[in-house]
Amino acid sequence: MAFYDEMAVMALEMITEFGQSVTISKPEPGEYDPDIGGEAPGATVEQIAQGILLDFTGQEFQNNSLIRQGDKKLKIAAQGLAWVPGLLDKVVVQGRTWSIVPPMKEIIPAGTPILYELQVRS
């Protein structure tokens, strides 16, 4: 196993131990329906991830004007995810639904996904 593969597994183990389950949902587009003359409603696909929900620090607020009061930082282990979280996805943490807002950071050294750091807003 390569070094970064081991790091991805370790990140998942640590976040599983000290974090919590997070549900990530994304909308899937519907298919064209000739009966209605347009796109039929799509489905929502969900996956369970392991994450840690954190507050932004005062320094981060000072350096980034895109952070709003109430925004949180969500770190998600990349290991085992079916898809990479995207800006149109929603996350549910502690029974609360959050939207993902830019910027979204991906920690992918040498092409191996390890961690996704999301800014989330309810």
PDB file of N, CA and C in Angstrom:
ATOM      1  N   MET A   1       0.845  -1.176   0.000  1.00  0.00           N
ATOM      2  CA  MET A   1       0.000   0.000   0.000  1.00  0.00           C
ATOM      3  C   MET A   1       0.893   1.243   0.000  1.00  0.00           C
ATOM      4  N   ALA A   2       0.580   2.190  -0.822  1.00  0.00           N
ATOM      5  CA  ALA A   2       1.375   3.413  -0.937  1.00  0.00           C
ATOM      6  C   ALA A   2       1.194   4.296   0.296  1.00  0.00           C
ATOM      7  N   PHE A   3       2.133   5.183   0.491  1.00  0.00           N
ATOM      8  CA  PHE A   3       2.124   6.069   1.661  1.00  0.00           C
ATOM      9  C   PHE A   3       0.817   6.852   1.776  1.00  0.00           C
ATOM     10  N   TYR A   4       0.378   7.499   0.689  1.00  0.00           N
ATOM     11  CA  TYR A   4      -0.821   8.329   0.761  1.00  0.00           C
ATOM     12  C   TYR A   4      -2.093   7.494   0.890  1.00  0.00           C
ATOM     13  N   ASP A   5      -2.085   6.269   0.385  1.00  0.00           N
ATOM     14  CA  ASP A   5      -3.215   5.370   0.621  1.00  0.00           C
ATOM     15  C   ASP A   5      -3.342   5.067   2.116  1.00  0.00           C
ATOM     16  N   GLU A   6      -2.214   4.851   2.759  1.00  0.00           N
ATOM     17  CA  GLU A   6      -2.205   4.625   4.203  1.00  0.00           C
ATOM     18  C   GLU A   6      -2.688   5.863   4.953  1.00  0.00           C
ATOM     19  N   MET A   7      -2.307   7.041   4.480  1.00  0.00           N
ATOM     20  CA  MET A   7      -2.753   8.280   5.109  1.00  0.00           C
ATOM     21  C   MET A   7      -4.274   8.450   4.983  1.00  0.00           C
ATOM     22  N   ALA A   8      -4.832   8.076   3.838  1.00  0.00           N
ATOM     23  CA  ALA A   8      -6.281   8.161   3.631  1.00  0.00           C
ATOM     24  C   ALA A   8      -7.018   7.235   4.598  1.00  0.00           C
ATOM     25  N   VAL A   9      -6.493   6.034   4.778  1.00  0.00           N
ATOM     26  CA  VAL A   9      -7.099   5.084   5.723  1.00  0.00           C
ATOM     27  C   VAL A   9      -6.987   5.629   7.145  1.00  0.00           C
ATOM     28  N   MET A  10      -5.827   6.191   7.488  1.00  0.00           N
ATOM     29  CA  MET A  10      -5.630   6.746   8.824  1.00  0.00           C
ATOM     30  C   MET A  10      -6.569   7.932   9.072  1.00  0.00           C
ATOM     31  N   ALA A  11      -6.757   8.786   8.067  1.00  0.00           N
ATOM     32  CA  ALA A  11      -7.671   9.920   8.213  1.00  0.00           C
ATOM     33  C   ALA A  11      -9.089   9.422   8.479  1.00  0.00           C
ATOM     34  N   LEU A  12      -9.517   8.397   7.752  1.00  0.00           N
ATOM     35  CA  LEU A  12     -10.848   7.835   7.970  1.00  0.00           C
ATOM     36  C   LEU A  12     -10.973   7.263   9.378  1.00  0.00           C
ATOM     37  N   GLU A  13      -9.963   6.533   9.837  1.00  0.00           N
ATOM     38  CA  GLU A  13     -10.010   5.952  11.178  1.00  0.00           C
ATOM     39  C   GLU A  13     -10.088   7.027  12.251  1.00  0.00           C
ATOM     40  N   MET A  14      -9.296   8.077  12.114  1.00  0.00           N
ATOM     41  CA  MET A  14      -9.287   9.156  13.119  1.00  0.00           C
ATOM     42  C   MET A  14     -10.605   9.921  13.128  1.00  0.00           C
ATOM     43  N   ILE A  15     -11.121  10.227  11.943  1.00  0.00           N
ATOM     44  CA  ILE A  15     -12.381  10.981  11.871  1.00  0.00           C
ATOM     45  C   ILE A  15     -13.542  10.116  12.337  1.00  0.00           C
ATOM     46  N   THR A  16     -13.490   8.814  12.062  1.00  0.00           N
ATOM     47  CA  THR A  16     -14.533   7.915  12.557  1.00  0.00           C
ATOM     48  C   THR A  16     -14.513   7.872  14.078  1.00  0.00           C
ATOM     49  N   GLU A  17     -13.326   7.831  14.659  1.00  0.00           N
ATOM     50  CA  GLU A  17     -13.211   7.766  16.117  1.00  0.00           C
ATOM     51  C   GLU A  17     -13.631   9.062  16.800  1.00  0.00           C
ATOM     52  N   PHE A  18     -13.230  10.200  16.241  1.00  0.00           N
ATOM     53  CA  PHE A  18     -13.458  11.471  16.924  1.00  0.00           C
ATOM     54  C   PHE A  18     -14.553  12.330  16.294  1.00  0.00           C
ATOM     55  N   GLY A  19     -15.056  11.920  15.143  1.00  0.00           N
ATOM     56  CA  GLY A  19     -16.077  12.704  14.453  1.00  0.00           C
ATOM     57  C   GLY A  19     -17.448  12.071  14.558  1.00  0.00           C
ATOM     58  N   GLN A  20     -18.207  12.191  13.479  1.00  0.00           N
ATOM     59  CA  GLN A  20     -19.577  11.695  13.466  1.00  0.00           C
ATOM     60  C   GLN A  20     -19.998  11.375  12.038  1.00  0.00           C
ATOM     61  N   SER A  21     -21.105  10.661  11.912  1.00  0.00           N
ATOM     62  CA  SER A  21     -21.643  10.352  10.593  1.00  0.00           C
ATOM     63  C   SER A  21     -22.274  11.587   9.983  1.00  0.00           C
ATOM     64  N   VAL A  22     -22.060  11.733   8.692  1.00  0.00           N
ATOM     65  CA  VAL A  22     -22.582  12.854   7.923  1.00  0.00           C
ATOM     66  C   VAL A  22     -23.285  12.268   6.701  1.00  0.00           C
ATOM     67  N   THR A  23     -24.481  12.753   6.406  1.00  0.00           N
ATOM     68  CA  THR A  23     -25.183  12.309   5.201  1.00  0.00           C
ATOM     69  C   THR A  23     -24.995  13.364   4.121  1.00  0.00           C
ATOM     70  N   ILE A  24     -24.495  12.937   2.985  1.00  0.00           N
ATOM     71  CA  ILE A  24     -24.314  13.831   1.836  1.00  0.00           C
ATOM     72  C   ILE A  24     -25.353  13.428   0.800  1.00  0.00           C
ATOM     73  N   SER A  25     -26.137  14.391   0.333  1.00  0.00           N
ATOM     74  CA  SER A  25     -27.142  14.085  -0.687  1.00  0.00           C
ATOM     75  C   SER A  25     -26.939  14.993  -1.882  1.00  0.00           C
ATOM     76  N   LYS A  26     -27.186  14.417  -3.056  1.00  0.00           N
ATOM     77  CA  LYS A  26     -27.061  15.204  -4.278  1.00  0.00           C
ATOM     78  C   LYS A  26     -28.253  14.906  -5.175  1.00  0.00           C
ATOM     79  N   PRO A  27     -28.707  15.930  -5.877  1.00  0.00           N
ATOM     80  CA  PRO A  27     -29.828  15.724  -6.798  1.00  0.00           C
ATOM     81  C   PRO A  27     -29.355  15.070  -8.089  1.00  0.00           C
ATOM     82  N   GLU A  28     -30.089  14.096  -8.549  1.00  0.00           N
ATOM     83  CA  GLU A  28     -29.818  13.464  -9.840  1.00  0.00           C
ATOM     84  C   GLU A  28     -30.838  13.999 -10.837  1.00  0.00           C
ATOM     85  N   PRO A  29     -30.411  14.431 -12.008  1.00  0.00           N
ATOM     86  CA  PRO A  29     -31.372  14.967 -12.973  1.00  0.00           C
ATOM     87  C   PRO A  29     -32.301  13.867 -13.482  1.00  0.00           C
ATOM     88  N   GLY A  30     -33.531  14.279 -13.788  1.00  0.00           N
ATOM     89  CA  GLY A  30     -34.488  13.346 -14.362  1.00  0.00           C
ATOM     90  C   GLY A  30     -34.259  13.196 -15.857  1.00  0.00           C
ATOM     91  N   GLU A  31     -34.965  12.260 -16.451  1.00  0.00           N
ATOM     92  CA  GLU A  31     -34.856  12.036 -17.885  1.00  0.00           C
ATOM     93  C   GLU A  31     -35.984  12.769 -18.606  1.00  0.00           C
ATOM     94  N   TYR A  32     -35.794  12.937 -19.891  1.00  0.00           N
ATOM     95  CA  TYR A  32     -36.816  13.599 -20.699  1.00  0.00           C
ATOM     96  C   TYR A  32     -38.078  12.747 -20.705  1.00  0.00           C
ATOM     97  N   ASP A  33     -39.224  13.398 -20.458  1.00  0.00           N
ATOM     98  CA  ASP A  33     -40.521  12.721 -20.469  1.00  0.00           C
ATOM     99  C   ASP A  33     -41.369  13.342 -21.571  1.00  0.00           C
ATOM    100  N   PRO A  34     -41.635  12.597 -22.648  1.00  0.00           N
ATOM    101  CA  PRO A  34     -42.403  13.161 -23.752  1.00  0.00           C
ATOM    102  C   PRO A  34     -43.844  13.495 -23.364  1.00  0.00           C
ATOM    103  N   ASP A  35     -44.367  12.841 -22.332  1.00  0.00           N
ATOM    104  CA  ASP A  35     -45.745  13.118 -21.901  1.00  0.00           C
ATOM    105  C   ASP A  35     -45.892  14.525 -21.330  1.00  0.00           C
ATOM    106  N   ILE A  36     -44.861  14.989 -20.635  1.00  0.00           N
ATOM    107  CA  ILE A  36     -44.942  16.339 -20.062  1.00  0.00           C
ATOM    108  C   ILE A  36     -44.160  17.348 -20.901  1.00  0.00           C
ATOM    109  N   GLY A  37     -43.437  16.845 -21.897  1.00  0.00           N
ATOM    110  CA  GLY A  37     -42.690  17.736 -22.782  1.00  0.00           C
ATOM    111  C   GLY A  37     -41.467  18.354 -22.140  1.00  0.00           C
ATOM    112  N   GLY A  38     -40.921  17.710 -21.140  1.00  0.00           N
ATOM    113  CA  GLY A  38     -39.731  18.240 -20.471  1.00  0.00           C
ATOM    114  C   GLY A  38     -39.107  17.181 -19.591  1.00  0.00           C
ATOM    115  N   GLU A  39     -38.255  17.643 -18.717  1.00  0.00           N
ATOM    116  CA  GLU A  39     -37.530  16.740 -17.835  1.00  0.00           C
ATOM    117  C   GLU A  39     -38.393  16.351 -16.650  1.00  0.00           C
ATOM    118  N   ALA A  40     -38.490  15.054 -16.391  1.00  0.00           N
ATOM    119  CA  ALA A  40     -39.207  14.565 -15.213  1.00  0.00           C
ATOM    120  C   ALA A  40     -38.360  14.830 -13.971  1.00  0.00           C
ATOM    121  N   PRO A  41     -38.991  14.961 -12.814  1.00  0.00           N
ATOM    122  CA  PRO A  41     -38.213  15.180 -11.590  1.00  0.00           C
ATOM    123  C   PRO A  41     -37.228  14.047 -11.355  1.00  0.00           C
ATOM    124  N   GLY A  42     -36.071  14.415 -10.893  1.00  0.00           N
ATOM    125  CA  GLY A  42     -35.032  13.428 -10.618  1.00  0.00           C
ATOM    126  C   GLY A  42     -35.108  12.924  -9.196  1.00  0.00           C
ATOM    127  N   ALA A  43     -34.209  12.073  -8.862  1.00  0.00           N
ATOM    128  CA  ALA A  43     -34.139  11.502  -7.518  1.00  0.00           C
ATOM    129  C   ALA A  43     -33.011  12.165  -6.735  1.00  0.00           C
ATOM    130  N   THR A  44     -32.997  11.901  -5.451  1.00  0.00           N
ATOM    131  CA  THR A  44     -31.906  12.357  -4.603  1.00  0.00           C
ATOM    132  C   THR A  44     -31.111  11.131  -4.169  1.00  0.00           C
ATOM    133  N   VAL A  45     -29.803  11.186  -4.350  1.00  0.00           N
ATOM    134  CA  VAL A  45     -28.919  10.084  -3.984  1.00  0.00           C
ATOM    135  C   VAL A  45     -28.161  10.490  -2.727  1.00  0.00           C
ATOM    136  N   GLU A  46     -28.034   9.545  -1.793  1.00  0.00           N
ATOM    137  CA  GLU A  46     -27.352   9.843  -0.532  1.00  0.00           C
ATOM    138  C   GLU A  46     -26.188   8.896  -0.296  1.00  0.00           C
ATOM    139  N   GLN A  47     -25.209   9.400   0.433  1.00  0.00           N
ATOM    140  CA  GLN A  47     -24.117   8.558   0.913  1.00  0.00           C
ATOM    141  C   GLN A  47     -23.777   8.992   2.337  1.00  0.00           C
ATOM    142  N   ILE A  48     -23.283   8.056   3.112  1.00  0.00           N
ATOM    143  CA  ILE A  48     -22.872   8.345   4.486  1.00  0.00           C
ATOM    144  C   ILE A  48     -21.353   8.518   4.491  1.00  0.00           C
ATOM    145  N   ALA A  49     -20.907   9.562   5.141  1.00  0.00           N
ATOM    146  CA  ALA A  49     -19.478   9.841   5.261  1.00  0.00           C
ATOM    147  C   ALA A  49     -19.149  10.054   6.733  1.00  0.00           C
ATOM    148  N   GLN A  50     -17.878  10.151   7.020  1.00  0.00           N
ATOM    149  CA  GLN A  50     -17.420  10.459   8.369  1.00  0.00           C
ATOM    150  C   GLN A  50     -16.830  11.863   8.357  1.00  0.00           C
ATOM    151  N   GLY A  51     -17.280  12.712   9.283  1.00  0.00           N
ATOM    152  CA  GLY A  51     -16.818  14.092   9.272  1.00  0.00           C
ATOM    153  C   GLY A  51     -16.670  14.689  10.657  1.00  0.00           C
ATOM    154  N   ILE A  52     -16.052  15.843  10.672  1.00  0.00           N
ATOM    155  CA  ILE A  52     -15.882  16.634  11.891  1.00  0.00           C
ATOM    156  C   ILE A  52     -16.374  18.040  11.583  1.00  0.00           C
ATOM    157  N   LEU A  53     -17.346  18.520  12.361  1.00  0.00           N
ATOM    158  CA  LEU A  53     -17.900  19.856  12.191  1.00  0.00           C
ATOM    159  C   LEU A  53     -17.204  20.799  13.167  1.00  0.00           C
ATOM    160  N   LEU A  54     -16.605  21.859  12.629  1.00  0.00           N
ATOM    161  CA  LEU A  54     -15.809  22.791  13.435  1.00  0.00           C
ATOM    162  C   LEU A  54     -16.262  24.229  13.210  1.00  0.00           C
ATOM    163  N   ASP A  55     -15.990  25.076  14.196  1.00  0.00           N
ATOM    164  CA  ASP A  55     -16.187  26.511  14.027  1.00  0.00           C
ATOM    165  C   ASP A  55     -14.977  27.096  13.313  1.00  0.00           C
ATOM    166  N   PHE A  56     -15.196  28.178  12.597  1.00  0.00           N
ATOM    167  CA  PHE A  56     -14.073  28.917  12.030  1.00  0.00           C
ATOM    168  C   PHE A  56     -13.424  29.727  13.142  1.00  0.00           C
ATOM    169  N   THR A  57     -12.127  29.928  13.046  1.00  0.00           N
ATOM    170  CA  THR A  57     -11.409  30.706  14.050  1.00  0.00           C
ATOM    171  C   THR A  57     -11.526  32.193  13.722  1.00  0.00           C
ATOM    172  N   GLY A  58     -11.193  33.023  14.682  1.00  0.00           N
ATOM    173  CA  GLY A  58     -11.200  34.466  14.463  1.00  0.00           C
ATOM    174  C   GLY A  58     -10.246  34.871  13.350  1.00  0.00           C
ATOM    175  N   GLN A  59      -9.105  34.198  13.282  1.00  0.00           N
ATOM    176  CA  GLN A  59      -8.118  34.476  12.236  1.00  0.00           C
ATOM    177  C   GLN A  59      -8.704  34.168  10.855  1.00  0.00           C
ATOM    178  N   GLU A  60      -9.446  33.065  10.743  1.00  0.00           N
ATOM    179  CA  GLU A  60     -10.058  32.713   9.457  1.00  0.00           C
ATOM    180  C   GLU A  60     -11.105  33.744   9.043  1.00  0.00           C
ATOM    181  N   PHE A  61     -11.895  34.234  10.007  1.00  0.00           N
ATOM    182  CA  PHE A  61     -12.871  35.281   9.708  1.00  0.00           C
ATOM    183  C   PHE A  61     -12.167  36.532   9.202  1.00  0.00           C
ATOM    184  N   GLN A  62     -11.049  36.858   9.812  1.00  0.00           N
ATOM    185  CA  GLN A  62     -10.310  38.059   9.447  1.00  0.00           C
ATOM    186  C   GLN A  62      -9.706  37.939   8.050  1.00  0.00           C
ATOM    187  N   ASN A  63      -9.242  36.745   7.687  1.00  0.00           N
ATOM    188  CA  ASN A  63      -8.561  36.553   6.407  1.00  0.00           C
ATOM    189  C   ASN A  63      -9.493  36.212   5.253  1.00  0.00           C
ATOM    190  N   ASN A  64     -10.732  35.837   5.512  1.00  0.00           N
ATOM    191  CA  ASN A  64     -11.639  35.397   4.460  1.00  0.00           C
ATOM    192  C   ASN A  64     -12.986  36.083   4.619  1.00  0.00           C
ATOM    193  N   SER A  65     -13.270  37.036   3.753  1.00  0.00           N
ATOM    194  CA  SER A  65     -14.516  37.796   3.851  1.00  0.00           C
ATOM    195  C   SER A  65     -15.719  36.994   3.363  1.00  0.00           C
ATOM    196  N   LEU A  66     -15.529  35.781   2.816  1.00  0.00           N
ATOM    197  CA  LEU A  66     -16.634  34.956   2.343  1.00  0.00           C
ATOM    198  C   LEU A  66     -17.286  34.154   3.465  1.00  0.00           C
ATOM    199  N   ILE A  67     -16.661  34.126   4.638  1.00  0.00           N
ATOM    200  CA  ILE A  67     -17.223  33.410   5.777  1.00  0.00           C
ATOM    201  C   ILE A  67     -18.256  34.307   6.451  1.00  0.00           C
ATOM    202  N   ARG A  68     -19.457  33.765   6.650  1.00  0.00           N
ATOM    203  CA  ARG A  68     -20.527  34.499   7.320  1.00  0.00           C
ATOM    204  C   ARG A  68     -20.717  33.965   8.737  1.00  0.00           C
ATOM    205  N   GLN A  69     -21.349  34.798   9.560  1.00  0.00           N
ATOM    206  CA  GLN A  69     -21.687  34.378  10.915  1.00  0.00           C
ATOM    207  C   GLN A  69     -22.534  33.111  10.836  1.00  0.00           C
ATOM    208  N   GLY A  70     -22.180  32.081  11.588  1.00  0.00           N
ATOM    209  CA  GLY A  70     -22.927  30.834  11.590  1.00  0.00           C
ATOM    210  C   GLY A  70     -22.382  29.768  10.656  1.00  0.00           C
ATOM    211  N   ASP A  71     -21.494  30.148   9.732  1.00  0.00           N
ATOM    212  CA  ASP A  71     -20.872  29.159   8.852  1.00  0.00           C
ATOM    213  C   ASP A  71     -19.991  28.223   9.686  1.00  0.00           C
ATOM    214  N   LYS A  72     -19.850  27.005   9.207  1.00  0.00           N
ATOM    215  CA  LYS A  72     -19.012  26.017   9.873  1.00  0.00           C
ATOM    216  C   LYS A  72     -18.046  25.412   8.865  1.00  0.00           C
ATOM    217  N   LYS A  73     -17.014  24.791   9.388  1.00  0.00           N
ATOM    218  CA  LYS A  73     -16.043  24.067   8.582  1.00  0.00           C
ATOM    219  C   LYS A  73     -16.336  22.585   8.802  1.00  0.00           C
ATOM    220  N   LEU A  74     -16.485  21.832   7.709  1.00  0.00           N
ATOM    221  CA  LEU A  74     -16.757  20.406   7.792  1.00  0.00           C
ATOM    222  C   LEU A  74     -15.632  19.664   7.091  1.00  0.00           C
ATOM    223  N   LYS A  75     -14.914  18.839   7.850  1.00  0.00           N
ATOM    224  CA  LYS A  75     -13.842  18.033   7.277  1.00  0.00           C
ATOM    225  C   LYS A  75     -14.366  16.610   7.124  1.00  0.00           C
ATOM    226  N   ILE A  76     -14.289  16.098   5.887  1.00  0.00           N
ATOM    227  CA  ILE A  76     -14.822  14.780   5.569  1.00  0.00           C
ATOM    228  C   ILE A  76     -13.689  13.889   5.073  1.00  0.00           C
ATOM    229  N   ALA A  77     -13.627  12.672   5.601  1.00  0.00           N
ATOM    230  CA  ALA A  77     -12.639  11.693   5.139  1.00  0.00           C
ATOM    231  C   ALA A  77     -13.014  11.260   3.727  1.00  0.00           C
ATOM    232  N   ALA A  78     -12.047  11.232   2.838  1.00  0.00           N
ATOM    233  CA  ALA A  78     -12.298  10.890   1.436  1.00  0.00           C
ATOM    234  C   ALA A  78     -12.401   9.386   1.213  1.00  0.00           C
ATOM    235  N   GLN A  79     -11.749   8.605   2.051  1.00  0.00           N
ATOM    236  CA  GLN A  79     -11.713   7.150   1.887  1.00  0.00           C
ATOM    237  C   GLN A  79     -13.130   6.568   1.918  1.00  0.00           C
ATOM    238  N   GLY A  80     -13.479   5.795   0.911  1.00  0.00           N
ATOM    239  CA  GLY A  80     -14.754   5.097   0.880  1.00  0.00           C
ATOM    240  C   GLY A  80     -15.930   5.879   0.319  1.00  0.00           C
ATOM    241  N   LEU A  81     -15.718   7.115  -0.098  1.00  0.00           N
ATOM    242  CA  LEU A  81     -16.825   7.891  -0.656  1.00  0.00           C
ATOM    243  C   LEU A  81     -17.160   7.409  -2.066  1.00  0.00           C
ATOM    244  N   ALA A  82     -18.450   7.372  -2.367  1.00  0.00           N
ATOM    245  CA  ALA A  82     -18.900   6.972  -3.707  1.00  0.00           C
ATOM    246  C   ALA A  82     -18.672   8.100  -4.712  1.00  0.00           C
ATOM    247  N   TRP A  83     -18.782   9.346  -4.255  1.00  0.00           N
ATOM    248  CA  TRP A  83     -18.532  10.498  -5.109  1.00  0.00           C
ATOM    249  C   TRP A  83     -17.977  11.641  -4.262  1.00  0.00           C
ATOM    250  N   VAL A  84     -17.330  12.564  -4.922  1.00  0.00           N
ATOM    251  CA  VAL A  84     -16.760  13.741  -4.261  1.00  0.00           C
ATOM    252  C   VAL A  84     -17.886  14.738  -3.992  1.00  0.00           C
ATOM    253  N   PRO A  85     -17.978  15.300  -2.771  1.00  0.00           N
ATOM    254  CA  PRO A  85     -19.007  16.302  -2.497  1.00  0.00           C
ATOM    255  C   PRO A  85     -18.873  17.483  -3.454  1.00  0.00           C
ATOM    256  N   GLY A  86     -20.000  18.018  -3.875  1.00  0.00           N
ATOM    257  CA  GLY A  86     -20.013  19.151  -4.796  1.00  0.00           C
ATOM    258  C   GLY A  86     -20.807  20.315  -4.238  1.00  0.00           C
ATOM    259  N   LEU A  87     -20.718  21.442  -4.894  1.00  0.00           N
ATOM    260  CA  LEU A  87     -21.357  22.661  -4.402  1.00  0.00           C
ATOM    261  C   LEU A  87     -22.885  22.606  -4.432  1.00  0.00           C
ATOM    262  N   LEU A  88     -23.471  21.710  -5.209  1.00  0.00           N
ATOM    263  CA  LEU A  88     -24.927  21.583  -5.246  1.00  0.00           C
ATOM    264  C   LEU A  88     -25.449  20.562  -4.241  1.00  0.00           C
ATOM    265  N   ASP A  89     -24.541  19.861  -3.583  1.00  0.00           N
ATOM    266  CA  ASP A  89     -24.932  18.844  -2.606  1.00  0.00           C
ATOM    267  C   ASP A  89     -25.351  19.500  -1.298  1.00  0.00           C
ATOM    268  N   LYS A  90     -26.072  18.727  -0.495  1.00  0.00           N
ATOM    269  CA  LYS A  90     -26.458  19.132   0.862  1.00  0.00           C
ATOM    270  C   LYS A  90     -25.845  18.133   1.818  1.00  0.00           C
ATOM    271  N   VAL A  91     -25.559  18.586   3.030  1.00  0.00           N
ATOM    272  CA  VAL A  91     -25.061  17.681   4.058  1.00  0.00           C
ATOM    273  C   VAL A  91     -25.959  17.799   5.285  1.00  0.00           C
ATOM    274  N   VAL A  92     -26.167  16.683   5.947  1.00  0.00           N
ATOM    275  CA  VAL A  92     -26.936  16.669   7.187  1.00  0.00           C
ATOM    276  C   VAL A  92     -25.990  16.226   8.291  1.00  0.00           C
ATOM    277  N   VAL A  93     -25.821  17.112   9.263  1.00  0.00           N
ATOM    278  CA  VAL A  93     -24.964  16.852  10.412  1.00  0.00           C
ATOM    279  C   VAL A  93     -25.767  17.189  11.651  1.00  0.00           C
ATOM    280  N   GLN A  94     -25.827  16.278  12.598  1.00  0.00           N
ATOM    281  CA  GLN A  94     -26.549  16.482  13.850  1.00  0.00           C
ATOM    282  C   GLN A  94     -27.994  16.898  13.597  1.00  0.00           C
ATOM    283  N   GLY A  95     -28.628  16.317  12.587  1.00  0.00           N
ATOM    284  CA  GLY A  95     -30.025  16.591  12.280  1.00  0.00           C
ATOM    285  C   GLY A  95     -30.284  17.924  11.601  1.00  0.00           C
ATOM    286  N   ARG A  96     -29.256  18.640  11.247  1.00  0.00           N
ATOM    287  CA  ARG A  96     -29.389  19.953  10.616  1.00  0.00           C
ATOM    288  C   ARG A  96     -28.862  19.883   9.189  1.00  0.00           C
ATOM    289  N   THR A  97     -29.597  20.481   8.242  1.00  0.00           N
ATOM    290  CA  THR A  97     -29.205  20.460   6.841  1.00  0.00           C
ATOM    291  C   THR A  97     -28.383  21.694   6.519  1.00  0.00           C
ATOM    292  N   TRP A  98     -27.260  21.457   5.844  1.00  0.00           N
ATOM    293  CA  TRP A  98     -26.323  22.520   5.489  1.00  0.00           C
ATOM    294  C   TRP A  98     -26.099  22.512   3.984  1.00  0.00           C
ATOM    295  N   SER A  99     -25.909  23.689   3.415  1.00  0.00           N
ATOM    296  CA  SER A  99     -25.503  23.825   2.013  1.00  0.00           C
ATOM    297  C   SER A  99     -23.992  24.001   1.971  1.00  0.00           C
ATOM    298  N   ILE A 100     -23.395  23.513   0.908  1.00  0.00           N
ATOM    299  CA  ILE A 100     -21.953  23.677   0.718  1.00  0.00           C
ATOM    300  C   ILE A 100     -21.724  24.947  -0.078  1.00  0.00           C
ATOM    301  N   VAL A 101     -20.864  25.808   0.427  1.00  0.00           N
ATOM    302  CA  VAL A 101     -20.550  27.065  -0.260  1.00  0.00           C
ATOM    303  C   VAL A 101     -19.061  27.098  -0.580  1.00  0.00           C
ATOM    304  N   PRO A 102     -18.696  27.820  -1.632  1.00  0.00           N
ATOM    305  CA  PRO A 102     -17.265  27.932  -1.951  1.00  0.00           C
ATOM    306  C   PRO A 102     -16.535  28.711  -0.864  1.00  0.00           C
ATOM    307  N   PRO A 103     -15.308  28.473  -0.633  1.00  0.00           N
ATOM    308  CA  PRO A 103     -14.420  27.556  -1.336  1.00  0.00           C
ATOM    309  C   PRO A 103     -14.505  26.153  -0.757  1.00  0.00           C
ATOM    310  N   MET A 104     -14.228  25.174  -1.587  1.00  0.00           N
ATOM    311  CA  MET A 104     -14.177  23.781  -1.178  1.00  0.00           C
ATOM    312  C   MET A 104     -12.745  23.305  -1.399  1.00  0.00           C
ATOM    313  N   LYS A 105     -12.114  22.810  -0.353  1.00  0.00           N
ATOM    314  CA  LYS A 105     -10.712  22.385  -0.464  1.00  0.00           C
ATOM    315  C   LYS A 105     -10.646  20.866  -0.551  1.00  0.00           C
ATOM    316  N   GLU A 106      -9.798  20.390  -1.444  1.00  0.00           N
ATOM    317  CA  GLU A 106      -9.552  18.969  -1.577  1.00  0.00           C
ATOM    318  C   GLU A 106      -8.081  18.723  -1.241  1.00  0.00           C
ATOM    319  N   ILE A 107      -7.841  17.847  -0.293  1.00  0.00           N
ATOM    320  CA  ILE A 107      -6.475  17.487   0.034  1.00  0.00           C
ATOM    321  C   ILE A 107      -6.200  16.174  -0.697  1.00  0.00           C
ATOM    322  N   ILE A 108      -5.448  16.278  -1.818  1.00  0.00           N
ATOM    323  CA  ILE A 108      -5.202  15.137  -2.697  1.00  0.00           C
ATOM    324  C   ILE A 108      -3.715  15.105  -3.071  1.00  0.00           C
ATOM    325  N   PRO A 109      -2.843  14.744  -2.128  1.00  0.00           N
ATOM    326  CA  PRO A 109      -1.423  14.672  -2.480  1.00  0.00           C
ATOM    327  C   PRO A 109      -1.148  13.470  -3.390  1.00  0.00           C
ATOM    328  N   ALA A 110      -0.356  13.682  -4.410  1.00  0.00           N
ATOM    329  CA  ALA A 110       0.041  12.632  -5.360  1.00  0.00           C
ATOM    330  C   ALA A 110      -1.159  11.912  -5.952  1.00  0.00           C
ATOM    331  N   GLY A 111      -2.293  12.617  -6.073  1.00  0.00           N
ATOM    332  CA  GLY A 111      -3.482  12.043  -6.705  1.00  0.00           C
ATOM    333  C   GLY A 111      -4.318  11.143  -5.809  1.00  0.00           C
ATOM    334  N   THR A 112      -3.990  11.058  -4.530  1.00  0.00           N
ATOM    335  CA  THR A 112      -4.747  10.214  -3.605  1.00  0.00           C
ATOM    336  C   THR A 112      -5.630  11.092  -2.719  1.00  0.00           C
ATOM    337  N   PRO A 113      -6.962  11.009  -2.871  1.00  0.00           N
ATOM    338  CA  PRO A 113      -7.850  11.809  -2.018  1.00  0.00           C
ATOM    339  C   PRO A 113      -7.723  11.386  -0.554  1.00  0.00           C
ATOM    340  N   ILE A 114      -7.528  12.376   0.312  1.00  0.00           N
ATOM    341  CA  ILE A 114      -7.395  12.099   1.742  1.00  0.00           C
ATOM    342  C   ILE A 114      -8.525  12.761   2.526  1.00  0.00           C
ATOM    343  N   LEU A 115      -8.786  14.035   2.208  1.00  0.00           N
ATOM    344  CA  LEU A 115      -9.715  14.820   3.024  1.00  0.00           C
ATOM    345  C   LEU A 115     -10.355  15.895   2.164  1.00  0.00           C
ATOM    346  N   TYR A 116     -11.622  16.180   2.452  1.00  0.00           N
ATOM    347  CA  TYR A 116     -12.319  17.303   1.835  1.00  0.00           C
ATOM    348  C   TYR A 116     -12.694  18.271   2.940  1.00  0.00           C
ATOM    349  N   GLU A 117     -12.370  19.535   2.760  1.00  0.00           N
ATOM    350  CA  GLU A 117     -12.719  20.563   3.730  1.00  0.00           C
ATOM    351  C   GLU A 117     -13.763  21.465   3.095  1.00  0.00           C
ATOM    352  N   LEU A 118     -14.956  21.468   3.684  1.00  0.00           N
ATOM    353  CA  LEU A 118     -16.079  22.208   3.139  1.00  0.00           C
ATOM    354  C   LEU A 118     -16.457  23.356   4.044  1.00  0.00           C
ATOM    355  N   GLN A 119     -16.892  24.435   3.458  1.00  0.00           N
ATOM    356  CA  GLN A 119     -17.523  25.508   4.214  1.00  0.00           C
ATOM    357  C   GLN A 119     -19.022  25.281   4.052  1.00  0.00           C
ATOM    358  N   VAL A 120     -19.748  25.144   5.169  1.00  0.00           N
ATOM    359  CA  VAL A 120     -21.164  24.847   5.101  1.00  0.00           C
ATOM    360  C   VAL A 120     -21.970  25.944   5.789  1.00  0.00           C
ATOM    361  N   ARG A 121     -23.196  26.109   5.299  1.00  0.00           N
ATOM    362  CA  ARG A 121     -24.071  27.185   5.780  1.00  0.00           C
ATOM    363  C   ARG A 121     -25.483  26.646   5.874  1.00  0.00           C
ATOM    364  N   SER A 122     -26.159  26.959   6.988  1.00  0.00           N
ATOM    365  CA  SER A 122     -27.543  26.486   7.136  1.00  0.00           C
ATOM    366  C   SER A 122     -28.535  27.593   6.854  1.00  0.00           C
TER     367      SER A 122
END
